[in-house]
Amino acid sequence: MPPRGADYPRSVAATLGLSPDRAREESPAAYELLCLFAYLAPDRIPRRELPEAGAKALPERAREALAQHDRWTDVIETLARYSLVRRERGEDGLVAAYYVHRVVQQVVRGRMGDDAERWQ
């Protein structure tokens, strides 16, 4: 049972909010991709289907990163370093899918403010 007066939902959101902020500072393209991931199914986002899922809706930086393997790798590495996405590797060792925890998605959606409309 939480201590009396503890406001865990706010403290969790505040703590989780630091990671997207840091990712955004390090790589605006990574943050843009995280915004897209916040509105996709959290269970498994297949890498090969990602271009069809929302590449057209991505802002220019994230769209360009998706088209260039090395930039894409850097963007995903930024999100993984801040524990915002998890990668699943296939038998060939290549990334097959991404996972974003539902709580991370909710925090990102809550922090997007007016920008949220463009991702829905």
PDB file of N, CA and C in Angstrom:
ATOM      1  N   MET A   1       0.835  -1.168   0.000  1.00  0.00           N
ATOM      2  CA  MET A   1       0.000   0.000   0.000  1.00  0.00           C
ATOM      3  C   MET A   1       0.888   1.243   0.000  1.00  0.00           C
ATOM      4  N   PRO A   2       0.604   2.214  -0.898  1.00  0.00           N
ATOM      5  CA  PRO A   2       1.449   3.405  -0.953  1.00  0.00           C
ATOM      6  C   PRO A   2       1.313   4.247   0.309  1.00  0.00           C
ATOM      7  N   PRO A   3       2.347   4.987   0.635  1.00  0.00           N
ATOM      8  CA  PRO A   3       2.260   5.869   1.793  1.00  0.00           C
ATOM      9  C   PRO A   3       1.134   6.875   1.626  1.00  0.00           C
ATOM     10  N   ARG A   4       0.530   7.247   2.732  1.00  0.00           N
ATOM     11  CA  ARG A   4      -0.561   8.213   2.709  1.00  0.00           C
ATOM     12  C   ARG A   4      -0.074   9.517   2.070  1.00  0.00           C
ATOM     13  N   GLY A   5      -0.875  10.032   1.151  1.00  0.00           N
ATOM     14  CA  GLY A   5      -0.550  11.294   0.502  1.00  0.00           C
ATOM     15  C   GLY A   5       0.388  11.162  -0.687  1.00  0.00           C
ATOM     16  N   ALA A   6       0.870   9.945  -0.972  1.00  0.00           N
ATOM     17  CA  ALA A   6       1.780   9.765  -2.112  1.00  0.00           C
ATOM     18  C   ALA A   6       1.005   9.938  -3.407  1.00  0.00           C
ATOM     19  N   ASP A   7       1.621  10.589  -4.354  1.00  0.00           N
ATOM     20  CA  ASP A   7       0.975  10.842  -5.633  1.00  0.00           C
ATOM     21  C   ASP A   7       1.747  10.109  -6.726  1.00  0.00           C
ATOM     22  N   TYR A   8       1.693   8.779  -6.684  1.00  0.00           N
ATOM     23  CA  TYR A   8       2.480   7.968  -7.598  1.00  0.00           C
ATOM     24  C   TYR A   8       2.195   8.236  -9.070  1.00  0.00           C
ATOM     25  N   PRO A   9       0.949   8.352  -9.496  1.00  0.00           N
ATOM     26  CA  PRO A   9       0.753   8.588 -10.932  1.00  0.00           C
ATOM     27  C   PRO A   9       1.497   9.829 -11.431  1.00  0.00           C
ATOM     28  N   ARG A  10       1.474  10.892 -10.668  1.00  0.00           N
ATOM     29  CA  ARG A  10       2.192  12.101 -11.088  1.00  0.00           C
ATOM     30  C   ARG A  10       3.694  11.904 -11.056  1.00  0.00           C
ATOM     31  N   SER A  11       4.207  11.249 -10.018  1.00  0.00           N
ATOM     32  CA  SER A  11       5.650  11.068  -9.936  1.00  0.00           C
ATOM     33  C   SER A  11       6.152  10.136 -11.025  1.00  0.00           C
ATOM     34  N   VAL A  12       5.378   9.116 -11.366  1.00  0.00           N
ATOM     35  CA  VAL A  12       5.766   8.208 -12.454  1.00  0.00           C
ATOM     36  C   VAL A  12       5.777   8.965 -13.776  1.00  0.00           C
ATOM     37  N   ALA A  13       4.749   9.745 -14.027  1.00  0.00           N
ATOM     38  CA  ALA A  13       4.691  10.513 -15.270  1.00  0.00           C
ATOM     39  C   ALA A  13       5.835  11.512 -15.340  1.00  0.00           C
ATOM     40  N   ALA A  14       6.146  12.148 -14.229  1.00  0.00           N
ATOM     41  CA  ALA A  14       7.243  13.117 -14.224  1.00  0.00           C
ATOM     42  C   ALA A  14       8.576  12.431 -14.503  1.00  0.00           C
ATOM     43  N   THR A  15       8.789  11.285 -13.867  1.00  0.00           N
ATOM     44  CA  THR A  15      10.029  10.549 -14.075  1.00  0.00           C
ATOM     45  C   THR A  15      10.125  10.041 -15.503  1.00  0.00           C
ATOM     46  N   LEU A  16       9.049   9.429 -15.998  1.00  0.00           N
ATOM     47  CA  LEU A  16       9.054   8.932 -17.375  1.00  0.00           C
ATOM     48  C   LEU A  16       9.167  10.076 -18.374  1.00  0.00           C
ATOM     49  N   GLY A  17       8.686  11.233 -18.021  1.00  0.00           N
ATOM     50  CA  GLY A  17       8.754  12.381 -18.922  1.00  0.00           C
ATOM     51  C   GLY A  17      10.166  12.861 -19.168  1.00  0.00           C
ATOM     52  N   LEU A  18      11.099  12.553 -18.276  1.00  0.00           N
ATOM     53  CA  LEU A  18      12.486  12.971 -18.466  1.00  0.00           C
ATOM     54  C   LEU A  18      13.125  12.272 -19.663  1.00  0.00           C
ATOM     55  N   SER A  19      12.812  11.003 -19.848  1.00  0.00           N
ATOM     56  CA  SER A  19      13.416  10.249 -20.950  1.00  0.00           C
ATOM     57  C   SER A  19      13.011  10.784 -22.319  1.00  0.00           C
ATOM     58  N   PRO A  20      11.732  11.020 -22.584  1.00  0.00           N
ATOM     59  CA  PRO A  20      11.382  11.605 -23.881  1.00  0.00           C
ATOM     60  C   PRO A  20      12.008  12.990 -24.081  1.00  0.00           C
ATOM     61  N   ASP A  21      12.091  13.760 -23.009  1.00  0.00           N
ATOM     62  CA  ASP A  21      12.704  15.086 -23.126  1.00  0.00           C
ATOM     63  C   ASP A  21      14.175  14.976 -23.523  1.00  0.00           C
ATOM     64  N   ARG A  22      14.878  14.066 -22.892  1.00  0.00           N
ATOM     65  CA  ARG A  22      16.301  13.873 -23.217  1.00  0.00           C
ATOM     66  C   ARG A  22      16.468  13.336 -24.637  1.00  0.00           C
ATOM     67  N   ALA A  23      15.616  12.405 -25.019  1.00  0.00           N
ATOM     68  CA  ALA A  23      15.682  11.870 -26.380  1.00  0.00           C
ATOM     69  C   ALA A  23      15.418  12.981 -27.390  1.00  0.00           C
ATOM     70  N   ARG A  24      14.468  13.849 -27.084  1.00  0.00           N
ATOM     71  CA  ARG A  24      14.133  14.960 -27.988  1.00  0.00           C
ATOM     72  C   ARG A  24      15.309  15.910 -28.145  1.00  0.00           C
ATOM     73  N   GLU A  25      16.002  16.199 -27.040  1.00  0.00           N
ATOM     74  CA  GLU A  25      17.179  17.074 -27.094  1.00  0.00           C
ATOM     75  C   GLU A  25      18.291  16.451 -27.926  1.00  0.00           C
ATOM     76  N   GLU A  26      18.476  15.159 -27.758  1.00  0.00           N
ATOM     77  CA  GLU A  26      19.547  14.458 -28.468  1.00  0.00           C
ATOM     78  C   GLU A  26      19.225  14.246 -29.943  1.00  0.00           C
ATOM     79  N   SER A  27      17.965  13.926 -30.236  1.00  0.00           N
ATOM     80  CA  SER A  27      17.582  13.610 -31.614  1.00  0.00           C
ATOM     81  C   SER A  27      16.110  13.956 -31.840  1.00  0.00           C
ATOM     82  N   PRO A  28      15.841  15.118 -32.438  1.00  0.00           N
ATOM     83  CA  PRO A  28      14.449  15.458 -32.731  1.00  0.00           C
ATOM     84  C   PRO A  28      13.746  14.386 -33.571  1.00  0.00           C
ATOM     85  N   ALA A  29      14.479  13.731 -34.465  1.00  0.00           N
ATOM     86  CA  ALA A  29      13.878  12.670 -35.278  1.00  0.00           C
ATOM     87  C   ALA A  29      13.443  11.502 -34.399  1.00  0.00           C
ATOM     88  N   ALA A  30      14.219  11.187 -33.372  1.00  0.00           N
ATOM     89  CA  ALA A  30      13.848  10.103 -32.458  1.00  0.00           C
ATOM     90  C   ALA A  30      12.562  10.448 -31.724  1.00  0.00           C
ATOM     91  N   TYR A  31      12.434  11.686 -31.293  1.00  0.00           N
ATOM     92  CA  TYR A  31      11.220  12.090 -30.594  1.00  0.00           C
ATOM     93  C   TYR A  31      10.010  12.037 -31.531  1.00  0.00           C
ATOM     94  N   GLU A  32      10.197  12.459 -32.761  1.00  0.00           N
ATOM     95  CA  GLU A  32       9.100  12.395 -33.734  1.00  0.00           C
ATOM     96  C   GLU A  32       8.653  10.955 -33.938  1.00  0.00           C
ATOM     97  N   LEU A  33       9.606  10.046 -34.017  1.00  0.00           N
ATOM     98  CA  LEU A  33       9.266   8.633 -34.169  1.00  0.00           C
ATOM     99  C   LEU A  33       8.550   8.118 -32.924  1.00  0.00           C
ATOM    100  N   LEU A  34       9.000   8.534 -31.759  1.00  0.00           N
ATOM    101  CA  LEU A  34       8.346   8.127 -30.517  1.00  0.00           C
ATOM    102  C   LEU A  34       6.896   8.607 -30.491  1.00  0.00           C
ATOM    103  N   CYS A  35       6.635   9.780 -31.020  1.00  0.00           N
ATOM    104  CA  CYS A  35       5.257  10.285 -31.092  1.00  0.00           C
ATOM    105  C   CYS A  35       4.398   9.369 -31.963  1.00  0.00           C
ATOM    106  N   LEU A  36       4.948   8.916 -33.078  1.00  0.00           N
ATOM    107  CA  LEU A  36       4.215   7.964 -33.917  1.00  0.00           C
ATOM    108  C   LEU A  36       3.992   6.660 -33.154  1.00  0.00           C
ATOM    109  N   PHE A  37       5.054   6.148 -32.509  1.00  0.00           N
ATOM    110  CA  PHE A  37       4.940   4.903 -31.743  1.00  0.00           C
ATOM    111  C   PHE A  37       3.902   5.008 -30.634  1.00  0.00           C
ATOM    112  N   ALA A  38       3.691   6.194 -30.121  1.00  0.00           N
ATOM    113  CA  ALA A  38       2.717   6.386 -29.035  1.00  0.00           C
ATOM    114  C   ALA A  38       1.296   6.091 -29.486  1.00  0.00           C
ATOM    115  N   TYR A  39       1.058   6.109 -30.794  1.00  0.00           N
ATOM    116  CA  TYR A  39      -0.290   5.854 -31.313  1.00  0.00           C
ATOM    117  C   TYR A  39      -0.399   4.532 -32.063  1.00  0.00           C
ATOM    118  N   LEU A  40       0.661   3.736 -32.083  1.00  0.00           N
ATOM    119  CA  LEU A  40       0.600   2.409 -32.701  1.00  0.00           C
ATOM    120  C   LEU A  40       0.395   1.367 -31.610  1.00  0.00           C
ATOM    121  N   ALA A  41       0.071   0.156 -32.012  1.00  0.00           N
ATOM    122  CA  ALA A  41      -0.115  -0.931 -31.050  1.00  0.00           C
ATOM    123  C   ALA A  41       1.189  -1.144 -30.287  1.00  0.00           C
ATOM    124  N   PRO A  42       1.140  -1.227 -28.965  1.00  0.00           N
ATOM    125  CA  PRO A  42       2.368  -1.355 -28.183  1.00  0.00           C
ATOM    126  C   PRO A  42       2.959  -2.761 -28.193  1.00  0.00           C
ATOM    127  N   ASP A  43       2.144  -3.745 -28.498  1.00  0.00           N
ATOM    128  CA  ASP A  43       2.584  -5.125 -28.352  1.00  0.00           C
ATOM    129  C   ASP A  43       3.705  -5.508 -29.296  1.00  0.00           C
ATOM    130  N   ARG A  44       3.604  -5.129 -30.539  1.00  0.00           N
ATOM    131  CA  ARG A  44       4.642  -5.472 -31.508  1.00  0.00           C
ATOM    132  C   ARG A  44       4.460  -4.582 -32.721  1.00  0.00           C
ATOM    133  N   ILE A  45       5.474  -3.788 -33.011  1.00  0.00           N
ATOM    134  CA  ILE A  45       5.440  -2.915 -34.175  1.00  0.00           C
ATOM    135  C   ILE A  45       6.438  -3.504 -35.163  1.00  0.00           C
ATOM    136  N   PRO A  46       5.974  -4.216 -36.179  1.00  0.00           N
ATOM    137  CA  PRO A  46       6.888  -4.864 -37.122  1.00  0.00           C
ATOM    138  C   PRO A  46       7.701  -3.834 -37.913  1.00  0.00           C
ATOM    139  N   ARG A  47       8.983  -4.028 -37.948  1.00  0.00           N
ATOM    140  CA  ARG A  47       9.889  -3.110 -38.657  1.00  0.00           C
ATOM    141  C   ARG A  47       9.522  -2.986 -40.129  1.00  0.00           C
ATOM    142  N   ARG A  48       9.249  -4.098 -40.779  1.00  0.00           N
ATOM    143  CA  ARG A  48       8.985  -4.071 -42.219  1.00  0.00           C
ATOM    144  C   ARG A  48       7.672  -3.378 -42.559  1.00  0.00           C
ATOM    145  N   GLU A  49       6.749  -3.315 -41.605  1.00  0.00           N
ATOM    146  CA  GLU A  49       5.463  -2.672 -41.854  1.00  0.00           C
ATOM    147  C   GLU A  49       5.440  -1.202 -41.437  1.00  0.00           C
ATOM    148  N   LEU A  50       6.481  -0.765 -40.785  1.00  0.00           N
ATOM    149  CA  LEU A  50       6.507   0.606 -40.281  1.00  0.00           C
ATOM    150  C   LEU A  50       6.363   1.657 -41.380  1.00  0.00           C
ATOM    151  N   PRO A  51       7.025   1.519 -42.509  1.00  0.00           N
ATOM    152  CA  PRO A  51       6.823   2.544 -43.545  1.00  0.00           C
ATOM    153  C   PRO A  51       5.359   2.692 -43.960  1.00  0.00           C
ATOM    154  N   GLU A  52       4.640   1.585 -44.056  1.00  0.00           N
ATOM    155  CA  GLU A  52       3.229   1.671 -44.429  1.00  0.00           C
ATOM    156  C   GLU A  52       2.369   2.192 -43.280  1.00  0.00           C
ATOM    157  N   ALA A  53       2.803   1.926 -42.047  1.00  0.00           N
ATOM    158  CA  ALA A  53       1.998   2.289 -40.884  1.00  0.00           C
ATOM    159  C   ALA A  53       1.935   3.789 -40.652  1.00  0.00           C
ATOM    160  N   GLY A  54       2.971   4.487 -41.028  1.00  0.00           N
ATOM    161  CA  GLY A  54       2.897   5.909 -40.714  1.00  0.00           C
ATOM    162  C   GLY A  54       4.011   6.763 -41.268  1.00  0.00           C
ATOM    163  N   ALA A  55       4.841   6.233 -42.138  1.00  0.00           N
ATOM    164  CA  ALA A  55       5.952   7.021 -42.646  1.00  0.00           C
ATOM    165  C   ALA A  55       5.470   8.285 -43.335  1.00  0.00           C
ATOM    166  N   LYS A  56       4.343   8.226 -44.003  1.00  0.00           N
ATOM    167  CA  LYS A  56       3.824   9.406 -44.681  1.00  0.00           C
ATOM    168  C   LYS A  56       3.411  10.481 -43.687  1.00  0.00           C
ATOM    169  N   ALA A  57       3.042  10.071 -42.477  1.00  0.00           N
ATOM    170  CA  ALA A  57       2.616  11.018 -41.452  1.00  0.00           C
ATOM    171  C   ALA A  57       3.797  11.591 -40.669  1.00  0.00           C
ATOM    172  N   LEU A  58       4.961  10.984 -40.833  1.00  0.00           N
ATOM    173  CA  LEU A  58       6.120  11.454 -40.090  1.00  0.00           C
ATOM    174  C   LEU A  58       6.587  12.818 -40.577  1.00  0.00           C
ATOM    175  N   PRO A  59       7.059  13.633 -39.662  1.00  0.00           N
ATOM    176  CA  PRO A  59       7.715  14.873 -40.079  1.00  0.00           C
ATOM    177  C   PRO A  59       8.991  14.543 -40.863  1.00  0.00           C
ATOM    178  N   GLU A  60       9.499  15.510 -41.542  1.00  0.00           N
ATOM    179  CA  GLU A  60      10.605  15.305 -42.474  1.00  0.00           C
ATOM    180  C   GLU A  60      11.823  14.620 -41.847  1.00  0.00           C
ATOM    181  N   ARG A  61      12.257  15.037 -40.665  1.00  0.00           N
ATOM    182  CA  ARG A  61      13.460  14.450 -40.044  1.00  0.00           C
ATOM    183  C   ARG A  61      13.298  12.955 -39.806  1.00  0.00           C
ATOM    184  N   ALA A  62      12.170  12.556 -39.265  1.00  0.00           N
ATOM    185  CA  ALA A  62      11.948  11.135 -38.982  1.00  0.00           C
ATOM    186  C   ALA A  62      11.769  10.348 -40.277  1.00  0.00           C
ATOM    187  N   ARG A  63      11.097  10.932 -41.252  1.00  0.00           N
ATOM    188  CA  ARG A  63      10.905  10.269 -42.548  1.00  0.00           C
ATOM    189  C   ARG A  63      12.253  10.043 -43.236  1.00  0.00           C
ATOM    190  N   GLU A  64      13.119  11.046 -43.188  1.00  0.00           N
ATOM    191  CA  GLU A  64      14.455  10.903 -43.783  1.00  0.00           C
ATOM    192  C   GLU A  64      15.275   9.840 -43.052  1.00  0.00           C
ATOM    193  N   ALA A  65      15.156   9.792 -41.732  1.00  0.00           N
ATOM    194  CA  ALA A  65      15.878   8.781 -40.965  1.00  0.00           C
ATOM    195  C   ALA A  65      15.414   7.381 -41.338  1.00  0.00           C
ATOM    196  N   LEU A  66      14.122   7.219 -41.530  1.00  0.00           N
ATOM    197  CA  LEU A  66      13.575   5.918 -41.903  1.00  0.00           C
ATOM    198  C   LEU A  66      14.135   5.455 -43.250  1.00  0.00           C
ATOM    199  N   ALA A  67      14.414   6.399 -44.131  1.00  0.00           N
ATOM    200  CA  ALA A  67      14.909   6.061 -45.471  1.00  0.00           C
ATOM    201  C   ALA A  67      16.410   5.768 -45.496  1.00  0.00           C
ATOM    202  N   GLN A  68      17.141   6.131 -44.438  1.00  0.00           N
ATOM    203  CA  GLN A  68      18.591   5.939 -44.406  1.00  0.00           C
ATOM    204  C   GLN A  68      18.963   5.022 -43.246  1.00  0.00           C
ATOM    205  N   HIS A  69      19.483   3.867 -43.567  1.00  0.00           N
ATOM    206  CA  HIS A  69      19.739   2.824 -42.564  1.00  0.00           C
ATOM    207  C   HIS A  69      20.559   3.335 -41.371  1.00  0.00           C
ATOM    208  N   ASP A  70      21.668   4.010 -41.615  1.00  0.00           N
ATOM    209  CA  ASP A  70      22.519   4.452 -40.513  1.00  0.00           C
ATOM    210  C   ASP A  70      21.821   5.482 -39.624  1.00  0.00           C
ATOM    211  N   ARG A  71      21.105   6.401 -40.233  1.00  0.00           N
ATOM    212  CA  ARG A  71      20.365   7.385 -39.436  1.00  0.00           C
ATOM    213  C   ARG A  71      19.257   6.709 -38.647  1.00  0.00           C
ATOM    214  N   TRP A  72      18.589   5.756 -39.288  1.00  0.00           N
ATOM    215  CA  TRP A  72      17.521   5.022 -38.604  1.00  0.00           C
ATOM    216  C   TRP A  72      18.085   4.300 -37.384  1.00  0.00           C
ATOM    217  N   THR A  73      19.213   3.657 -37.553  1.00  0.00           N
ATOM    218  CA  THR A  73      19.859   2.950 -36.448  1.00  0.00           C
ATOM    219  C   THR A  73      20.165   3.910 -35.309  1.00  0.00           C
ATOM    220  N   ASP A  74      20.662   5.105 -35.621  1.00  0.00           N
ATOM    221  CA  ASP A  74      20.958   6.104 -34.591  1.00  0.00           C
ATOM    222  C   ASP A  74      19.686   6.545 -33.863  1.00  0.00           C
ATOM    223  N   VAL A  75      18.611   6.740 -34.603  1.00  0.00           N
ATOM    224  CA  VAL A  75      17.338   7.168 -34.013  1.00  0.00           C
ATOM    225  C   VAL A  75      16.824   6.101 -33.053  1.00  0.00           C
ATOM    226  N   ILE A  76      16.815   4.866 -33.489  1.00  0.00           N
ATOM    227  CA  ILE A  76      16.339   3.768 -32.637  1.00  0.00           C
ATOM    228  C   ILE A  76      17.257   3.591 -31.435  1.00  0.00           C
ATOM    229  N   GLU A  77      18.551   3.725 -31.636  1.00  0.00           N
ATOM    230  CA  GLU A  77      19.497   3.598 -30.527  1.00  0.00           C
ATOM    231  C   GLU A  77      19.236   4.672 -29.474  1.00  0.00           C
ATOM    232  N   THR A  78      18.901   5.865 -29.891  1.00  0.00           N
ATOM    233  CA  THR A  78      18.575   6.929 -28.945  1.00  0.00           C
ATOM    234  C   THR A  78      17.369   6.533 -28.099  1.00  0.00           C
ATOM    235  N   LEU A  79      16.318   6.049 -28.742  1.00  0.00           N
ATOM    236  CA  LEU A  79      15.115   5.643 -28.005  1.00  0.00           C
ATOM    237  C   LEU A  79      15.393   4.456 -27.085  1.00  0.00           C
ATOM    238  N   ALA A  80      16.199   3.525 -27.534  1.00  0.00           N
ATOM    239  CA  ALA A  80      16.527   2.350 -26.717  1.00  0.00           C
ATOM    240  C   ALA A  80      17.391   2.742 -25.524  1.00  0.00           C
ATOM    241  N   ARG A  81      18.320   3.658 -25.724  1.00  0.00           N
ATOM    242  CA  ARG A  81      19.205   4.093 -24.638  1.00  0.00           C
ATOM    243  C   ARG A  81      18.411   4.704 -23.477  1.00  0.00           C
ATOM    244  N   TYR A  82      17.302   5.363 -23.792  1.00  0.00           N
ATOM    245  CA  TYR A  82      16.457   5.954 -22.757  1.00  0.00           C
ATOM    246  C   TYR A  82      15.301   5.024 -22.356  1.00  0.00           C
ATOM    247  N   SER A  83      15.390   3.764 -22.765  1.00  0.00           N
ATOM    248  CA  SER A  83      14.395   2.732 -22.417  1.00  0.00           C
ATOM    249  C   SER A  83      12.987   3.094 -22.869  1.00  0.00           C
ATOM    250  N   LEU A  84      12.890   3.740 -24.018  1.00  0.00           N
ATOM    251  CA  LEU A  84      11.591   4.117 -24.563  1.00  0.00           C
ATOM    252  C   LEU A  84      11.075   3.103 -25.564  1.00  0.00           C
ATOM    253  N   VAL A  85      11.964   2.330 -26.154  1.00  0.00           N
ATOM    254  CA  VAL A  85      11.573   1.230 -27.036  1.00  0.00           C
ATOM    255  C   VAL A  85      12.449   0.025 -26.730  1.00  0.00           C
ATOM    256  N   ARG A  86      11.919  -1.110 -27.070  1.00  0.00           N
ATOM    257  CA  ARG A  86      12.664  -2.372 -26.969  1.00  0.00           C
ATOM    258  C   ARG A  86      12.672  -2.979 -28.356  1.00  0.00           C
ATOM    259  N   ARG A  87      13.794  -3.540 -28.746  1.00  0.00           N
ATOM    260  CA  ARG A  87      13.926  -4.150 -30.073  1.00  0.00           C
ATOM    261  C   ARG A  87      13.839  -5.667 -29.981  1.00  0.00           C
ATOM    262  N   GLU A  88      13.210  -6.246 -31.002  1.00  0.00           N
ATOM    263  CA  GLU A  88      13.157  -7.705 -31.140  1.00  0.00           C
ATOM    264  C   GLU A  88      13.974  -8.051 -32.371  1.00  0.00           C
ATOM    265  N   ARG A  89      14.894  -8.966 -32.203  1.00  0.00           N
ATOM    266  CA  ARG A  89      15.724  -9.386 -33.339  1.00  0.00           C
ATOM    267  C   ARG A  89      15.200 -10.703 -33.908  1.00  0.00           C
ATOM    268  N   GLY A  90      15.265 -10.807 -35.225  1.00  0.00           N
ATOM    269  CA  GLY A  90      14.868 -12.032 -35.892  1.00  0.00           C
ATOM    270  C   GLY A  90      16.002 -13.048 -35.872  1.00  0.00           C
ATOM    271  N   GLU A  91      15.777 -14.197 -36.467  1.00  0.00           N
ATOM    272  CA  GLU A  91      16.791 -15.243 -36.518  1.00  0.00           C
ATOM    273  C   GLU A  91      18.043 -14.794 -37.250  1.00  0.00           C
ATOM    274  N   ASP A  92      17.880 -13.843 -38.175  1.00  0.00           N
ATOM    275  CA  ASP A  92      19.019 -13.333 -38.931  1.00  0.00           C
ATOM    276  C   ASP A  92      19.819 -12.281 -38.165  1.00  0.00           C
ATOM    277  N   GLY A  93      19.368 -11.936 -36.957  1.00  0.00           N
ATOM    278  CA  GLY A  93      20.061 -10.956 -36.136  1.00  0.00           C
ATOM    279  C   GLY A  93      19.631  -9.521 -36.381  1.00  0.00           C
ATOM    280  N   LEU A  94      18.816  -9.310 -37.407  1.00  0.00           N
ATOM    281  CA  LEU A  94      18.338  -7.964 -37.713  1.00  0.00           C
ATOM    282  C   LEU A  94      17.100  -7.640 -36.884  1.00  0.00           C
ATOM    283  N   VAL A  95      16.884  -6.354 -36.663  1.00  0.00           N
ATOM    284  CA  VAL A  95      15.709  -5.936 -35.904  1.00  0.00           C
ATOM    285  C   VAL A  95      14.458  -6.266 -36.709  1.00  0.00           C
ATOM    286  N   ALA A  96      13.551  -7.001 -36.080  1.00  0.00           N
ATOM    287  CA  ALA A  96      12.311  -7.406 -36.740  1.00  0.00           C
ATOM    288  C   ALA A  96      11.122  -6.583 -36.267  1.00  0.00           C
ATOM    289  N   ALA A  97      11.189  -6.099 -35.007  1.00  0.00           N
ATOM    290  CA  ALA A  97      10.052  -5.375 -34.460  1.00  0.00           C
ATOM    291  C   ALA A  97      10.492  -4.514 -33.281  1.00  0.00           C
ATOM    292  N   TYR A  98       9.586  -3.609 -32.920  1.00  0.00           N
ATOM    293  CA  TYR A  98       9.806  -2.724 -31.779  1.00  0.00           C
ATOM    294  C   TYR A  98       8.629  -2.859 -30.823  1.00  0.00           C
ATOM    295  N   TYR A  99       8.900  -2.601 -29.558  1.00  0.00           N
ATOM    296  CA  TYR A  99       7.865  -2.594 -28.529  1.00  0.00           C
ATOM    297  C   TYR A  99       7.965  -1.289 -27.756  1.00  0.00           C
ATOM    298  N   VAL A 100       6.830  -0.704 -27.463  1.00  0.00           N
ATOM    299  CA  VAL A 100       6.761   0.495 -26.625  1.00  0.00           C
ATOM    300  C   VAL A 100       5.759   0.188 -25.523  1.00  0.00           C
ATOM    301  N   HIS A 101       6.183   0.339 -24.291  1.00  0.00           N
ATOM    302  CA  HIS A 101       5.299   0.038 -23.168  1.00  0.00           C
ATOM    303  C   HIS A 101       4.108   0.992 -23.175  1.00  0.00           C
ATOM    304  N   ARG A 102       2.971   0.474 -22.783  1.00  0.00           N
ATOM    305  CA  ARG A 102       1.733   1.283 -22.764  1.00  0.00           C
ATOM    306  C   ARG A 102       1.864   2.528 -21.882  1.00  0.00           C
ATOM    307  N   VAL A 103       2.579   2.410 -20.792  1.00  0.00           N
ATOM    308  CA  VAL A 103       2.749   3.569 -19.910  1.00  0.00           C
ATOM    309  C   VAL A 103       3.578   4.636 -20.612  1.00  0.00           C
ATOM    310  N   VAL A 104       4.621   4.221 -21.304  1.00  0.00           N
ATOM    311  CA  VAL A 104       5.433   5.177 -22.075  1.00  0.00           C
ATOM    312  C   VAL A 104       4.560   5.857 -23.122  1.00  0.00           C
ATOM    313  N   GLN A 105       3.739   5.076 -23.810  1.00  0.00           N
ATOM    314  CA  GLN A 105       2.843   5.660 -24.813  1.00  0.00           C
ATOM    315  C   GLN A 105       1.924   6.701 -24.193  1.00  0.00           C
ATOM    316  N   GLN A 106       1.349   6.370 -23.054  1.00  0.00           N
ATOM    317  CA  GLN A 106       0.425   7.285 -22.396  1.00  0.00           C
ATOM    318  C   GLN A 106       1.125   8.573 -21.968  1.00  0.00           C
ATOM    319  N   VAL A 107       2.318   8.450 -21.425  1.00  0.00           N
ATOM    320  CA  VAL A 107       3.068   9.632 -21.002  1.00  0.00           C
ATOM    321  C   VAL A 107       3.396  10.510 -22.208  1.00  0.00           C
ATOM    322  N   VAL A 108       3.838   9.901 -23.282  1.00  0.00           N
ATOM    323  CA  VAL A 108       4.179  10.676 -24.484  1.00  0.00           C
ATOM    324  C   VAL A 108       2.935  11.363 -25.038  1.00  0.00           C
ATOM    325  N   ARG A 109       1.825  10.637 -25.133  1.00  0.00           N
ATOM    326  CA  ARG A 109       0.586  11.262 -25.631  1.00  0.00           C
ATOM    327  C   ARG A 109       0.161  12.420 -24.735  1.00  0.00           C
ATOM    328  N   GLY A 110       0.299  12.245 -23.419  1.00  0.00           N
ATOM    329  CA  GLY A 110      -0.086  13.292 -22.489  1.00  0.00           C
ATOM    330  C   GLY A 110       0.779  14.532 -22.583  1.00  0.00           C
ATOM    331  N   ARG A 111       2.017  14.369 -23.000  1.00  0.00           N
ATOM    332  CA  ARG A 111       2.943  15.494 -23.087  1.00  0.00           C
ATOM    333  C   ARG A 111       2.911  16.192 -24.438  1.00  0.00           C
ATOM    334  N   MET A 112       2.207  15.636 -25.387  1.00  0.00           N
ATOM    335  CA  MET A 112       2.231  16.182 -26.743  1.00  0.00           C
ATOM    336  C   MET A 112       1.385  17.440 -26.897  1.00  0.00           C
ATOM    337  N   GLY A 113       0.406  17.613 -26.056  1.00  0.00           N
ATOM    338  CA  GLY A 113      -0.424  18.811 -26.133  1.00  0.00           C
ATOM    339  C   GLY A 113      -1.103  18.967 -27.478  1.00  0.00           C
ATOM    340  N   ASP A 114      -1.008  20.149 -28.069  1.00  0.00           N
ATOM    341  CA  ASP A 114      -1.664  20.445 -29.337  1.00  0.00           C
ATOM    342  C   ASP A 114      -1.145  19.607 -30.500  1.00  0.00           C
ATOM    343  N   ASP A 115       0.093  19.109 -30.392  1.00  0.00           N
ATOM    344  CA  ASP A 115       0.662  18.286 -31.460  1.00  0.00           C
ATOM    345  C   ASP A 115      -0.019  16.939 -31.586  1.00  0.00           C
ATOM    346  N   ALA A 116      -0.736  16.505 -30.555  1.00  0.00           N
ATOM    347  CA  ALA A 116      -1.351  15.174 -30.548  1.00  0.00           C
ATOM    348  C   ALA A 116      -2.281  14.954 -31.727  1.00  0.00           C
ATOM    349  N   GLU A 117      -2.994  15.978 -32.167  1.00  0.00           N
ATOM    350  CA  GLU A 117      -3.966  15.830 -33.255  1.00  0.00           C
ATOM    351  C   GLU A 117      -3.318  15.319 -34.533  1.00  0.00           C
ATOM    352  N   ARG A 118      -2.105  15.718 -34.786  1.00  0.00           N
ATOM    353  CA  ARG A 118      -1.481  15.320 -36.056  1.00  0.00           C
ATOM    354  C   ARG A 118      -1.079  13.852 -36.069  1.00  0.00           C
ATOM    355  N   TRP A 119      -1.002  13.192 -34.911  1.00  0.00           N
ATOM    356  CA  TRP A 119      -0.586  11.800 -34.848  1.00  0.00           C
ATOM    357  C   TRP A 119      -1.752  10.842 -34.760  1.00  0.00           C
ATOM    358  N   GLN A 120      -2.940  11.325 -34.464  1.00  0.00           N
ATOM    359  CA  GLN A 120      -4.079  10.431 -34.278  1.00  0.00           C
ATOM    360  C   GLN A 120      -4.663   9.992 -35.598  1.00  0.00           C
TER     361      GLN A 120
END
